[in-house]
PDB file of N, CA and C in Angstrom:
ATOM      1  N   GLN A   1     -11.338  12.227  -3.324  1.00  0.00           N
ATOM      2  CA  GLN A   1     -10.562  13.378  -2.921  1.00  0.00           C
ATOM      3  C   GLN A   1      -9.158  12.987  -2.474  1.00  0.00           C
ATOM      4  N   LEU A   2      -9.042  11.844  -1.811  1.00  0.00           N
ATOM      5  CA  LEU A   2      -7.729  11.409  -1.345  1.00  0.00           C
ATOM      6  C   LEU A   2      -6.800  11.134  -2.522  1.00  0.00           C
ATOM      7  N   SER A   3      -7.323  10.473  -3.561  1.00  0.00           N
ATOM      8  CA  SER A   3      -6.496  10.185  -4.742  1.00  0.00           C
ATOM      9  C   SER A   3      -6.000  11.472  -5.384  1.00  0.00           C
ATOM     10  N   ARG A   4      -6.878  12.455  -5.472  1.00  0.00           N
ATOM     11  CA  ARG A   4      -6.488  13.735  -6.067  1.00  0.00           C
ATOM     12  C   ARG A   4      -5.425  14.421  -5.215  1.00  0.00           C
ATOM     13  N   PHE A   5      -5.605  14.400  -3.890  1.00  0.00           N
ATOM     14  CA  PHE A   5      -4.631  14.996  -2.975  1.00  0.00           C
ATOM     15  C   PHE A   5      -3.263  14.336  -3.140  1.00  0.00           C
ATOM     16  N   VAL A   6      -3.234  13.000  -3.176  1.00  0.00           N
ATOM     17  CA  VAL A   6      -1.968  12.270  -3.323  1.00  0.00           C
ATOM     18  C   VAL A   6      -1.327  12.596  -4.666  1.00  0.00           C
ATOM     19  N   ALA A   7      -2.120  12.644  -5.738  1.00  0.00           N
ATOM     20  CA  ALA A   7      -1.586  12.970  -7.064  1.00  0.00           C
ATOM     21  C   ALA A   7      -0.995  14.377  -7.085  1.00  0.00           C
ATOM     22  N   GLU A   8      -1.687  15.335  -6.478  1.00  0.00           N
ATOM     23  CA  GLU A   8      -1.178  16.709  -6.427  1.00  0.00           C
ATOM     24  C   GLU A   8       0.098  16.801  -5.599  1.00  0.00           C
ATOM     25  N   MET A   9       0.164  16.069  -4.504  1.00  0.00           N
ATOM     26  CA  MET A   9       1.363  16.063  -3.661  1.00  0.00           C
ATOM     27  C   MET A   9       2.544  15.476  -4.430  1.00  0.00           C
ATOM     28  N   ARG A  10       2.308  14.380  -5.126  1.00  0.00           N
ATOM     29  CA  ARG A  10       3.379  13.783  -5.941  1.00  0.00           C
ATOM     30  C   ARG A  10       3.895  14.781  -6.963  1.00  0.00           C
ATOM     31  N   GLU A  11       2.962  15.444  -7.645  1.00  0.00           N
ATOM     32  CA  GLU A  11       3.353  16.398  -8.680  1.00  0.00           C
ATOM     33  C   GLU A  11       4.175  17.539  -8.093  1.00  0.00           C
ATOM     34  N   ARG A  12       3.761  18.057  -6.942  1.00  0.00           N
ATOM     35  CA  ARG A  12       4.511  19.138  -6.289  1.00  0.00           C
ATOM     36  C   ARG A  12       5.922  18.711  -5.917  1.00  0.00           C
ATOM     37  N   LEU A  13       6.082  17.444  -5.585  1.00  0.00           N
ATOM     38  CA  LEU A  13       7.389  16.926  -5.189  1.00  0.00           C
ATOM     39  C   LEU A  13       8.207  16.415  -6.374  1.00  0.00           C
ATOM     40  N   GLY A  14       7.669  16.561  -7.587  1.00  0.00           N
ATOM     41  CA  GLY A  14       8.390  16.131  -8.779  1.00  0.00           C
ATOM     42  C   GLY A  14       8.296  14.641  -9.046  1.00  0.00           C
ATOM     43  N   MET A  15       7.304  14.000  -8.464  1.00  0.00           N
ATOM     44  CA  MET A  15       7.123  12.558  -8.657  1.00  0.00           C
ATOM     45  C   MET A  15       5.998  12.305  -9.644  1.00  0.00           C
ATOM     46  N   GLY A  16       6.004  11.124 -10.209  1.00  0.00           N
ATOM     47  CA  GLY A  16       4.939  10.714 -11.108  1.00  0.00           C
ATOM     48  C   GLY A  16       4.545   9.284 -10.818  1.00  0.00           C
ATOM     49  N   LEU A  17       3.484   8.861 -11.441  1.00  0.00           N
ATOM     50  CA  LEU A  17       2.995   7.501 -11.288  1.00  0.00           C
ATOM     51  C   LEU A  17       2.980   6.865 -12.665  1.00  0.00           C
ATOM     52  N   ILE A  18       3.557   5.697 -12.786  1.00  0.00           N
ATOM     53  CA  ILE A  18       3.557   4.982 -14.058  1.00  0.00           C
ATOM     54  C   ILE A  18       2.495   3.900 -13.979  1.00  0.00           C
ATOM     55  N   GLU A  19       1.497   4.013 -14.828  1.00  0.00           N
ATOM     56  CA  GLU A  19       0.424   3.020 -14.863  1.00  0.00           C
ATOM     57  C   GLU A  19       0.939   1.731 -15.501  1.00  0.00           C
ATOM     58  N   ARG A  20       0.217   0.655 -15.303  1.00  0.00           N
ATOM     59  CA  ARG A  20       0.652  -0.648 -15.813  1.00  0.00           C
ATOM     60  C   ARG A  20       0.729  -0.711 -17.333  1.00  0.00           C
ATOM     61  N   THR A  21      -0.100   0.052 -18.034  1.00  0.00           N
ATOM     62  CA  THR A  21      -0.089   0.041 -19.495  1.00  0.00           C
ATOM     63  C   THR A  21       1.244   0.592 -19.989  1.00  0.00           C
ATOM     64  N   ALA A  22       1.978  -0.199 -20.730  1.00  0.00           N
ATOM     65  CA  ALA A  22       3.293   0.179 -21.273  1.00  0.00           C
ATOM     66  C   ALA A  22       4.284   0.541 -20.174  1.00  0.00           C
ATOM     67  N   ALA A  23       4.100  -0.010 -18.994  1.00  0.00           N
ATOM     68  CA  ALA A  23       4.946   0.342 -17.852  1.00  0.00           C
ATOM     69  C   ALA A  23       6.403  -0.041 -18.067  1.00  0.00           C
ATOM     70  N   TRP A  24       6.661  -1.232 -18.613  1.00  0.00           N
ATOM     71  CA  TRP A  24       8.039  -1.702 -18.756  1.00  0.00           C
ATOM     72  C   TRP A  24       8.878  -0.704 -19.542  1.00  0.00           C
ATOM     73  N   ASP A  25       8.375  -0.269 -20.707  1.00  0.00           N
ATOM     74  CA  ASP A  25       9.125   0.675 -21.542  1.00  0.00           C
ATOM     75  C   ASP A  25       9.334   2.009 -20.826  1.00  0.00           C
ATOM     76  N   ARG A  26       8.320   2.484 -20.126  1.00  0.00           N
ATOM     77  CA  ARG A  26       8.452   3.755 -19.408  1.00  0.00           C
ATOM     78  C   ARG A  26       9.418   3.634 -18.241  1.00  0.00           C
ATOM     79  N   LEU A  27       9.417   2.494 -17.562  1.00  0.00           N
ATOM     80  CA  LEU A  27      10.351   2.284 -16.451  1.00  0.00           C
ATOM     81  C   LEU A  27      11.791   2.254 -16.956  1.00  0.00           C
ATOM     82  N   ILE A  28      12.038   1.501 -18.024  1.00  0.00           N
ATOM     83  CA  ILE A  28      13.391   1.434 -18.605  1.00  0.00           C
ATOM     84  C   ILE A  28      13.830   2.831 -19.045  1.00  0.00           C
ATOM     85  N   ALA A  29      12.944   3.566 -19.720  1.00  0.00           N
ATOM     86  CA  ALA A  29      13.284   4.923 -20.171  1.00  0.00           C
ATOM     87  C   ALA A  29      13.602   5.827 -18.985  1.00  0.00           C
ATOM     88  N   SER A  30      12.827   5.731 -17.930  1.00  0.00           N
ATOM     89  CA  SER A  30      13.082   6.555 -16.739  1.00  0.00           C
ATOM     90  C   SER A  30      14.449   6.246 -16.144  1.00  0.00           C
ATOM     91  N   LEU A  31      14.775   4.964 -16.039  1.00  0.00           N
ATOM     92  CA  LEU A  31      16.069   4.574 -15.464  1.00  0.00           C
ATOM     93  C   LEU A  31      17.234   4.999 -16.345  1.00  0.00           C
ATOM     94  N   THR A  32      17.101   4.822 -17.655  1.00  0.00           N
ATOM     95  CA  THR A  32      18.204   5.208 -18.539  1.00  0.00           C
ATOM     96  C   THR A  32      18.358   6.728 -18.610  1.00  0.00           C
ATOM     97  N   ASP A  33      17.294   7.470 -18.276  1.00  0.00           N
ATOM     98  CA  ASP A  33      17.378   8.934 -18.201  1.00  0.00           C
ATOM     99  C   ASP A  33      17.918   9.409 -16.858  1.00  0.00           C
ATOM    100  N   GLY A  34      18.258   8.465 -15.974  1.00  0.00           N
ATOM    101  CA  GLY A  34      18.827   8.825 -14.681  1.00  0.00           C
ATOM    102  C   GLY A  34      17.808   9.127 -13.599  1.00  0.00           C
ATOM    103  N   ARG A  35      16.551   8.825 -13.855  1.00  0.00           N
ATOM    104  CA  ARG A  35      15.520   9.063 -12.837  1.00  0.00           C
ATOM    105  C   ARG A  35      15.526   7.941 -11.806  1.00  0.00           C
ATOM    106  N   VAL A  36      14.964   8.217 -10.656  1.00  0.00           N
ATOM    107  CA  VAL A  36      14.802   7.221  -9.598  1.00  0.00           C
ATOM    108  C   VAL A  36      13.435   6.572  -9.778  1.00  0.00           C
ATOM    109  N   VAL A  37      13.402   5.259  -9.701  1.00  0.00           N
ATOM    110  CA  VAL A  37      12.152   4.508  -9.785  1.00  0.00           C
ATOM    111  C   VAL A  37      11.966   3.778  -8.462  1.00  0.00           C
ATOM    112  N   ALA A  38      10.803   3.916  -7.871  1.00  0.00           N
ATOM    113  CA  ALA A  38      10.523   3.260  -6.591  1.00  0.00           C
ATOM    114  C   ALA A  38       9.309   2.349  -6.722  1.00  0.00           C
ATOM    115  N   PHE A  39       9.350   1.246  -6.015  1.00  0.00           N
ATOM    116  CA  PHE A  39       8.243   0.291  -5.979  1.00  0.00           C
ATOM    117  C   PHE A  39       7.777   0.140  -4.542  1.00  0.00           C
ATOM    118  N   VAL A  40       6.490   0.000  -4.370  1.00  0.00           N
ATOM    119  CA  VAL A  40       5.941  -0.412  -3.084  1.00  0.00           C
ATOM    120  C   VAL A  40       5.693  -1.903  -3.248  1.00  0.00           C
ATOM    121  N   ALA A  41       6.547  -2.687  -2.636  1.00  0.00           N
ATOM    122  CA  ALA A  41       6.534  -4.135  -2.876  1.00  0.00           C
ATOM    123  C   ALA A  41       5.983  -4.887  -1.681  1.00  0.00           C
ATOM    124  N   ASP A  42       4.798  -4.510  -1.258  1.00  0.00           N
ATOM    125  CA  ASP A  42       4.213  -5.180  -0.102  1.00  0.00           C
ATOM    126  C   ASP A  42       3.132  -6.179  -0.501  1.00  0.00           C
ATOM    127  N   GLN A  43       3.087  -6.520  -1.763  1.00  0.00           N
ATOM    128  CA  GLN A  43       2.066  -7.439  -2.249  1.00  0.00           C
ATOM    129  C   GLN A  43       2.644  -8.829  -2.459  1.00  0.00           C
ATOM    130  N   ASP A  44       1.860  -9.843  -2.153  1.00  0.00           N
ATOM    131  CA  ASP A  44       2.246 -11.229  -2.393  1.00  0.00           C
ATOM    132  C   ASP A  44       2.132 -11.495  -3.891  1.00  0.00           C
ATOM    133  N   ALA A  45       3.221 -11.886  -4.539  1.00  0.00           N
ATOM    134  CA  ALA A  45       3.213 -12.133  -5.978  1.00  0.00           C
ATOM    135  C   ALA A  45       2.618 -13.494  -6.331  1.00  0.00           C
ATOM    136  N   ARG A  46       2.358 -14.301  -5.340  1.00  0.00           N
ATOM    137  CA  ARG A  46       1.766 -15.637  -5.508  1.00  0.00           C
ATOM    138  C   ARG A  46       2.572 -16.461  -6.506  1.00  0.00           C
ATOM    139  N   GLY A  47       1.925 -17.163  -7.402  1.00  0.00           N
ATOM    140  CA  GLY A  47       2.610 -18.039  -8.352  1.00  0.00           C
ATOM    141  C   GLY A  47       3.386 -17.316  -9.427  1.00  0.00           C
ATOM    142  N   ARG A  48       3.127 -16.027  -9.621  1.00  0.00           N
ATOM    143  CA  ARG A  48       3.840 -15.259 -10.654  1.00  0.00           C
ATOM    144  C   ARG A  48       5.211 -14.800 -10.187  1.00  0.00           C
ATOM    145  N   GLY A  49       5.443 -14.844  -8.890  1.00  0.00           N
ATOM    146  CA  GLY A  49       6.690 -14.327  -8.342  1.00  0.00           C
ATOM    147  C   GLY A  49       7.767 -15.381  -8.218  1.00  0.00           C
ATOM    148  N   VAL A  50       8.840 -14.988  -7.590  1.00  0.00           N
ATOM    149  CA  VAL A  50       9.941 -15.888  -7.284  1.00  0.00           C
ATOM    150  C   VAL A  50      10.016 -15.970  -5.757  1.00  0.00           C
ATOM    151  N   PHE A  51      10.224 -17.181  -5.250  1.00  0.00           N
ATOM    152  CA  PHE A  51      10.254 -17.370  -3.798  1.00  0.00           C
ATOM    153  C   PHE A  51      11.668 -17.157  -3.274  1.00  0.00           C
ATOM    154  N   VAL A  52      11.790 -16.279  -2.300  1.00  0.00           N
ATOM    155  CA  VAL A  52      13.083 -15.945  -1.701  1.00  0.00           C
ATOM    156  C   VAL A  52      12.947 -15.988  -0.184  1.00  0.00           C
ATOM    157  N   PRO A  53      14.062 -16.228   0.524  1.00  0.00           N
ATOM    158  CA  PRO A  53      13.995 -16.217   1.990  1.00  0.00           C
ATOM    159  C   PRO A  53      13.666 -14.817   2.505  1.00  0.00           C
ATOM    160  N   PHE A  54      12.737 -14.738   3.428  1.00  0.00           N
ATOM    161  CA  PHE A  54      12.325 -13.472   4.019  1.00  0.00           C
ATOM    162  C   PHE A  54      12.055 -13.717   5.489  1.00  0.00           C
ATOM    163  N   PHE A  55      12.966 -13.240   6.344  1.00  0.00           N
ATOM    164  CA  PHE A  55      12.865 -13.470   7.786  1.00  0.00           C
ATOM    165  C   PHE A  55      12.680 -14.951   8.108  1.00  0.00           C
ATOM    166  N   GLY A  56      13.464 -15.793   7.433  1.00  0.00           N
ATOM    167  CA  GLY A  56      13.456 -17.223   7.723  1.00  0.00           C
ATOM    168  C   GLY A  56      12.352 -18.015   7.056  1.00  0.00           C
ATOM    169  N   ARG A  57      11.528 -17.373   6.256  1.00  0.00           N
ATOM    170  CA  ARG A  57      10.450 -18.072   5.552  1.00  0.00           C
ATOM    171  C   ARG A  57      10.519 -17.728   4.075  1.00  0.00           C
ATOM    172  N   LEU A  58      10.079 -18.654   3.229  1.00  0.00           N
ATOM    173  CA  LEU A  58      10.025 -18.349   1.806  1.00  0.00           C
ATOM    174  C   LEU A  58       8.809 -17.468   1.525  1.00  0.00           C
ATOM    175  N   ALA A  59       9.028 -16.415   0.749  1.00  0.00           N
ATOM    176  CA  ALA A  59       7.952 -15.487   0.400  1.00  0.00           C
ATOM    177  C   ALA A  59       8.002 -15.217  -1.102  1.00  0.00           C
ATOM    178  N   SER A  60       6.848 -15.139  -1.720  1.00  0.00           N
ATOM    179  CA  SER A  60       6.765 -14.856  -3.151  1.00  0.00           C
ATOM    180  C   SER A  60       6.868 -13.352  -3.368  1.00  0.00           C
ATOM    181  N   THR A  61       7.840 -12.948  -4.164  1.00  0.00           N
ATOM    182  CA  THR A  61       8.057 -11.529  -4.416  1.00  0.00           C
ATOM    183  C   THR A  61       8.090 -11.271  -5.918  1.00  0.00           C
ATOM    184  N   HIS A  62       7.810 -10.045  -6.295  1.00  0.00           N
ATOM    185  CA  HIS A  62       7.777  -9.682  -7.712  1.00  0.00           C
ATOM    186  C   HIS A  62       9.190  -9.637  -8.291  1.00  0.00           C
ATOM    187  N   ARG A  63       9.300  -9.991  -9.553  1.00  0.00           N
ATOM    188  CA  ARG A  63      10.594 -10.032 -10.247  1.00  0.00           C
ATOM    189  C   ARG A  63      10.987  -8.693 -10.864  1.00  0.00           C
ATOM    190  N   ALA A  64      10.018  -7.850 -11.146  1.00  0.00           N
ATOM    191  CA  ALA A  64      10.257  -6.633 -11.926  1.00  0.00           C
ATOM    192  C   ALA A  64      11.386  -5.750 -11.397  1.00  0.00           C
ATOM    193  N   PRO A  65      11.470  -5.438 -10.108  1.00  0.00           N
ATOM    194  CA  PRO A  65      12.559  -4.556  -9.673  1.00  0.00           C
ATOM    195  C   PRO A  65      13.951  -5.112  -9.990  1.00  0.00           C
ATOM    196  N   ALA A  66      14.166  -6.391  -9.741  1.00  0.00           N
ATOM    197  CA  ALA A  66      15.475  -6.985 -10.027  1.00  0.00           C
ATOM    198  C   ALA A  66      15.736  -7.035 -11.529  1.00  0.00           C
ATOM    199  N   LEU A  67      14.728  -7.392 -12.323  1.00  0.00           N
ATOM    200  CA  LEU A  67      14.899  -7.436 -13.779  1.00  0.00           C
ATOM    201  C   LEU A  67      15.211  -6.055 -14.338  1.00  0.00           C
ATOM    202  N   LEU A  68      14.541  -5.031 -13.821  1.00  0.00           N
ATOM    203  CA  LEU A  68      14.823  -3.666 -14.280  1.00  0.00           C
ATOM    204  C   LEU A  68      16.262  -3.268 -13.973  1.00  0.00           C
ATOM    205  N   ALA A  69      16.731  -3.603 -12.793  1.00  0.00           N
ATOM    206  CA  ALA A  69      18.116  -3.280 -12.426  1.00  0.00           C
ATOM    207  C   ALA A  69      19.092  -4.002 -13.344  1.00  0.00           C
ATOM    208  N   LEU A  70      18.834  -5.277 -13.611  1.00  0.00           N
ATOM    209  CA  LEU A  70      19.727  -6.046 -14.483  1.00  0.00           C
ATOM    210  C   LEU A  70      19.716  -5.515 -15.909  1.00  0.00           C
ATOM    211  N   ARG A  71      18.548  -5.213 -16.438  1.00  0.00           N
ATOM    212  CA  ARG A  71      18.439  -4.786 -17.839  1.00  0.00           C
ATOM    213  C   ARG A  71      18.876  -3.349 -18.072  1.00  0.00           C
ATOM    214  N   SER A  72      18.722  -2.488 -17.071  1.00  0.00           N
ATOM    215  CA  SER A  72      19.063  -1.077 -17.259  1.00  0.00           C
ATOM    216  C   SER A  72      20.454  -0.737 -16.734  1.00  0.00           C
ATOM    217  N   GLY A  73      20.994  -1.595 -15.858  1.00  0.00           N
ATOM    218  CA  GLY A  73      22.269  -1.294 -15.227  1.00  0.00           C
ATOM    219  C   GLY A  73      22.134  -0.334 -14.053  1.00  0.00           C
ATOM    220  N   ALA A  74      20.911   0.021 -13.699  1.00  0.00           N
ATOM    221  CA  ALA A  74      20.675   0.957 -12.587  1.00  0.00           C
ATOM    222  C   ALA A  74      20.922   0.259 -11.258  1.00  0.00           C
ATOM    223  N   PRO A  75      21.403   0.987 -10.255  1.00  0.00           N
ATOM    224  CA  PRO A  75      21.566   0.385  -8.929  1.00  0.00           C
ATOM    225  C   PRO A  75      20.209   0.030  -8.334  1.00  0.00           C
ATOM    226  N   PHE A  76      20.231  -0.923  -7.446  1.00  0.00           N
ATOM    227  CA  PHE A  76      19.000  -1.448  -6.842  1.00  0.00           C
ATOM    228  C   PHE A  76      19.143  -1.404  -5.332  1.00  0.00           C
ATOM    229  N   PHE A  77      18.227  -0.752  -4.665  1.00  0.00           N
ATOM    230  CA  PHE A  77      18.262  -0.635  -3.206  1.00  0.00           C
ATOM    231  C   PHE A  77      16.948  -1.136  -2.625  1.00  0.00           C
ATOM    232  N   VAL A  78      17.024  -1.731  -1.465  1.00  0.00           N
ATOM    233  CA  VAL A  78      15.830  -2.214  -0.773  1.00  0.00           C
ATOM    234  C   VAL A  78      15.730  -1.492   0.561  1.00  0.00           C
ATOM    235  N   GLY A  79      14.543  -1.075   0.906  1.00  0.00           N
ATOM    236  CA  GLY A  79      14.331  -0.403   2.183  1.00  0.00           C
ATOM    237  C   GLY A  79      13.043  -0.884   2.816  1.00  0.00           C
ATOM    238  N   GLY A  80      12.848  -0.479   4.033  1.00  0.00           N
ATOM    239  CA  GLY A  80      11.626  -0.857   4.729  1.00  0.00           C
ATOM    240  C   GLY A  80      11.242   0.208   5.728  1.00  0.00           C
ATOM    241  N   ALA A  81       9.999   0.183   6.111  1.00  0.00           N
ATOM    242  CA  ALA A  81       9.496   1.138   7.092  1.00  0.00           C
ATOM    243  C   ALA A  81       8.534   0.417   8.019  1.00  0.00           C
ATOM    244  N   PRO A  82       8.960   0.163   9.252  1.00  0.00           N
ATOM    245  CA  PRO A  82       8.050  -0.525  10.174  1.00  0.00           C
ATOM    246  C   PRO A  82       6.867   0.370  10.550  1.00  0.00           C
ATOM    247  N   ALA A  83       5.723  -0.243  10.745  1.00  0.00           N
ATOM    248  CA  ALA A  83       4.529   0.508  11.126  1.00  0.00           C
ATOM    249  C   ALA A  83       4.597   0.956  12.581  1.00  0.00           C
ATOM    250  N   ASP A  84       5.433   0.294  13.372  1.00  0.00           N
ATOM    251  CA  ASP A  84       5.536   0.572  14.801  1.00  0.00           C
ATOM    252  C   ASP A  84       7.013   0.721  15.147  1.00  0.00           C
ATOM    253  N   ARG A  85       7.391   1.792  15.810  1.00  0.00           N
ATOM    254  CA  ARG A  85       8.802   2.012  16.150  1.00  0.00           C
ATOM    255  C   ARG A  85       9.383   0.880  16.980  1.00  0.00           C
ATOM    256  N   ALA A  86       8.557   0.215  17.750  1.00  0.00           N
ATOM    257  CA  ALA A  86       9.037  -0.880  18.595  1.00  0.00           C
ATOM    258  C   ALA A  86       9.227  -2.170  17.802  1.00  0.00           C
ATOM    259  N   ALA A  87       8.657  -2.224  16.598  1.00  0.00           N
ATOM    260  CA  ALA A  87       8.757  -3.441  15.788  1.00  0.00           C
ATOM    261  C   ALA A  87      10.147  -3.544  15.177  1.00  0.00           C
ATOM    262  N   PRO A  88      10.764  -4.720  15.236  1.00  0.00           N
ATOM    263  CA  PRO A  88      12.082  -4.884  14.612  1.00  0.00           C
ATOM    264  C   PRO A  88      11.962  -4.866  13.096  1.00  0.00           C
ATOM    265  N   LEU A  89      12.975  -4.364  12.435  1.00  0.00           N
ATOM    266  CA  LEU A  89      12.988  -4.334  10.974  1.00  0.00           C
ATOM    267  C   LEU A  89      13.933  -5.377  10.467  1.00  0.00           C
TER     268      LEU A  89
END
């Protein structure tokens, strides 16, 4: 029920979900059509990622958002949302 609720909420707000199958082509098409593409990048990319400094430590992050920005020419923004208002961002 939760998945259905989230899907319906996305649809009402004009959002969609791009599944992994043929995702690259759909992401590029969305960006070249002027749509906004967002990623939830809270997953450790492990050996498949690129290691970058993150709060003073190296962390493995996914390459796809940066590659999409480079290949499509779309602007790239990074944001965050702390789970606790007292937590520093």
